[in-house]
Amino acid sequence: MKQLPTLCPSCSGMLAVKRLFCERCGTQVDGEFQLPPLPQLSAEDQGFLLQFLRADASLKELARILRLSYPTVRNRLDAIIEQLKQHESKKKEKK
């Protein structure tokens, strides 16, 4: 299955979901739905978070797995947290 695109291929703006479809019964829901914050992250950042969770949310363990220093892993996680905070603040501004 293809990965869900999050950016417009034309202008790089954030895409919104327009239609949801149930493969089981064929029901369709039309509307305008904003993507949740996690899918708005890059595939690389999503993968990093998955590895973090698989490492029992231990930065020390993740650093060992990735063969990176603890500060490098901590900085990467901090950058992702900042992105999520920005998504949240943009969401509040739209309300």
C-alpha atoms as a PDB file:
ATOM      1  CA  MET A   1       0.000   0.000   0.000  1.00  0.00           C
ATOM      2  CA  LYS A   2       1.246   3.499  -0.798  1.00  0.00           C
ATOM      3  CA  GLN A   3       2.263   5.872   1.978  1.00  0.00           C
ATOM      4  CA  LEU A   4      -0.199   8.677   2.711  1.00  0.00           C
ATOM      5  CA  PRO A   5       1.055  11.910   1.124  1.00  0.00           C
ATOM      6  CA  THR A   6       0.999  14.894   3.468  1.00  0.00           C
ATOM      7  CA  LEU A   7       2.376  17.676   1.245  1.00  0.00           C
ATOM      8  CA  CYS A   8       0.933  19.036  -1.985  1.00  0.00           C
ATOM      9  CA  PRO A   9       3.150  18.023  -4.926  1.00  0.00           C
ATOM     10  CA  SER A  10       2.451  21.385  -6.555  1.00  0.00           C
ATOM     11  CA  CYS A  11       2.963  23.975  -3.791  1.00  0.00           C
ATOM     12  CA  SER A  12       4.232  21.912  -0.796  1.00  0.00           C
ATOM     13  CA  GLY A  13       1.245  22.997   1.296  1.00  0.00           C
ATOM     14  CA  MET A  14      -0.205  20.620   3.892  1.00  0.00           C
ATOM     15  CA  LEU A  15      -2.827  18.284   2.432  1.00  0.00           C
ATOM     16  CA  ALA A  16      -6.173  17.659   4.114  1.00  0.00           C
ATOM     17  CA  VAL A  17      -8.238  14.479   3.896  1.00  0.00           C
ATOM     18  CA  LYS A  18     -11.369  14.879   1.755  1.00  0.00           C
ATOM     19  CA  ARG A  19     -12.887  11.402   1.742  1.00  0.00           C
ATOM     20  CA  LEU A  20     -12.727   8.295   3.918  1.00  0.00           C
ATOM     21  CA  PHE A  21     -13.747   4.905   2.571  1.00  0.00           C
ATOM     22  CA  CYS A  22     -14.526   1.581   4.283  1.00  0.00           C
ATOM     23  CA  GLU A  23     -13.167  -1.305   2.192  1.00  0.00           C
ATOM     24  CA  ARG A  24     -15.376  -3.753   4.082  1.00  0.00           C
ATOM     25  CA  CYS A  25     -18.827  -2.278   3.415  1.00  0.00           C
ATOM     26  CA  GLY A  26     -18.181   0.508   0.905  1.00  0.00           C
ATOM     27  CA  THR A  27     -19.330   3.347   3.151  1.00  0.00           C
ATOM     28  CA  GLN A  28     -17.827   6.717   2.244  1.00  0.00           C
ATOM     29  CA  VAL A  29     -17.553   9.788   4.428  1.00  0.00           C
ATOM     30  CA  ASP A  30     -16.975  13.086   2.628  1.00  0.00           C
ATOM     31  CA  GLY A  31     -15.802  16.250   4.306  1.00  0.00           C
ATOM     32  CA  GLU A  32     -12.646  18.139   5.117  1.00  0.00           C
ATOM     33  CA  PHE A  33     -10.524  16.473   7.780  1.00  0.00           C
ATOM     34  CA  GLN A  34      -7.174  17.617   9.062  1.00  0.00           C
ATOM     35  CA  LEU A  35      -4.434  15.027   9.409  1.00  0.00           C
ATOM     36  CA  PRO A  36      -3.426  14.197  12.982  1.00  0.00           C
ATOM     37  CA  PRO A  37      -0.004  15.530  14.039  1.00  0.00           C
ATOM     38  CA  LEU A  38       1.999  12.282  13.751  1.00  0.00           C
ATOM     39  CA  PRO A  39       1.234  11.620  10.056  1.00  0.00           C
ATOM     40  CA  GLN A  40       2.278  15.210   9.351  1.00  0.00           C
ATOM     41  CA  LEU A  41       5.833  14.345  10.390  1.00  0.00           C
ATOM     42  CA  SER A  42       8.292  13.175   7.751  1.00  0.00           C
ATOM     43  CA  ALA A  43       8.587   9.430   7.190  1.00  0.00           C
ATOM     44  CA  GLU A  44      12.081   9.642   8.687  1.00  0.00           C
ATOM     45  CA  ASP A  45      10.784  11.283  11.883  1.00  0.00           C
ATOM     46  CA  GLN A  46       7.923   8.779  12.133  1.00  0.00           C
ATOM     47  CA  GLY A  47      10.453   5.958  11.818  1.00  0.00           C
ATOM     48  CA  PHE A  48      12.591   7.513  14.543  1.00  0.00           C
ATOM     49  CA  LEU A  49       9.578   7.654  16.883  1.00  0.00           C
ATOM     50  CA  LEU A  50       8.743   4.007  16.137  1.00  0.00           C
ATOM     51  CA  GLN A  51      12.302   2.995  16.963  1.00  0.00           C
ATOM     52  CA  PHE A  52      12.101   5.056  20.157  1.00  0.00           C
ATOM     53  CA  LEU A  53       8.940   3.226  21.205  1.00  0.00           C
ATOM     54  CA  ARG A  54      10.432  -0.160  20.314  1.00  0.00           C
ATOM     55  CA  ALA A  55      13.382   0.766  22.552  1.00  0.00           C
ATOM     56  CA  ASP A  56      10.880   1.072  25.429  1.00  0.00           C
ATOM     57  CA  ALA A  57      11.082   4.879  25.168  1.00  0.00           C
ATOM     58  CA  SER A  58      14.667   4.734  26.393  1.00  0.00           C
ATOM     59  CA  LEU A  59      16.902   7.310  24.768  1.00  0.00           C
ATOM     60  CA  LYS A  60      19.935   5.471  26.083  1.00  0.00           C
ATOM     61  CA  GLU A  61      18.794   2.231  24.425  1.00  0.00           C
ATOM     62  CA  LEU A  62      17.877   4.025  21.197  1.00  0.00           C
ATOM     63  CA  ALA A  63      21.308   5.666  21.077  1.00  0.00           C
ATOM     64  CA  ARG A  64      22.875   2.219  21.441  1.00  0.00           C
ATOM     65  CA  ILE A  65      20.680   0.741  18.674  1.00  0.00           C
ATOM     66  CA  LEU A  66      21.338   3.634  16.287  1.00  0.00           C
ATOM     67  CA  ARG A  67      25.013   3.820  17.251  1.00  0.00           C
ATOM     68  CA  LEU A  68      24.664   7.520  17.970  1.00  0.00           C
ATOM     69  CA  SER A  69      25.534   9.576  21.011  1.00  0.00           C
ATOM     70  CA  TYR A  70      22.872  10.164  23.627  1.00  0.00           C
ATOM     71  CA  PRO A  71      22.930  13.972  23.006  1.00  0.00           C
ATOM     72  CA  THR A  72      22.381  13.405  19.267  1.00  0.00           C
ATOM     73  CA  VAL A  73      19.350  11.220  19.922  1.00  0.00           C
ATOM     74  CA  ARG A  74      18.043  13.659  22.556  1.00  0.00           C
ATOM     75  CA  ASN A  75      18.394  16.586  20.120  1.00  0.00           C
ATOM     76  CA  ARG A  76      16.570  14.645  17.407  1.00  0.00           C
ATOM     77  CA  LEU A  77      13.695  13.855  19.763  1.00  0.00           C
ATOM     78  CA  ASP A  78      13.582  17.478  20.952  1.00  0.00           C
ATOM     79  CA  ALA A  79      13.326  18.652  17.324  1.00  0.00           C
ATOM     80  CA  ILE A  80      10.403  16.279  16.706  1.00  0.00           C
ATOM     81  CA  ILE A  81       8.688  17.441  19.900  1.00  0.00           C
ATOM     82  CA  GLU A  82       9.078  21.039  18.719  1.00  0.00           C
ATOM     83  CA  GLN A  83       7.481  20.161  15.376  1.00  0.00           C
ATOM     84  CA  LEU A  84       4.530  18.583  17.178  1.00  0.00           C
ATOM     85  CA  LYS A  85       4.153  21.678  19.368  1.00  0.00           C
ATOM     86  CA  GLN A  86       4.096  23.854  16.244  1.00  0.00           C
ATOM     87  CA  HIS A  87       1.374  21.666  14.699  1.00  0.00           C
ATOM     88  CA  GLU A  88      -0.629  21.993  17.913  1.00  0.00           C
ATOM     89  CA  SER A  89      -0.266  25.782  18.029  1.00  0.00           C
ATOM     90  CA  LYS A  90      -1.336  26.071  14.357  1.00  0.00           C
ATOM     91  CA  LYS A  91      -4.365  23.896  15.148  1.00  0.00           C
ATOM     92  CA  LYS A  92      -5.342  26.216  18.027  1.00  0.00           C
ATOM     93  CA  GLU A  93      -4.921  29.298  15.805  1.00  0.00           C
ATOM     94  CA  LYS A  94      -7.425  27.908  13.279  1.00  0.00           C
ATOM     95  CA  LYS A  95     -10.135  27.474  15.929  1.00  0.00           C
END
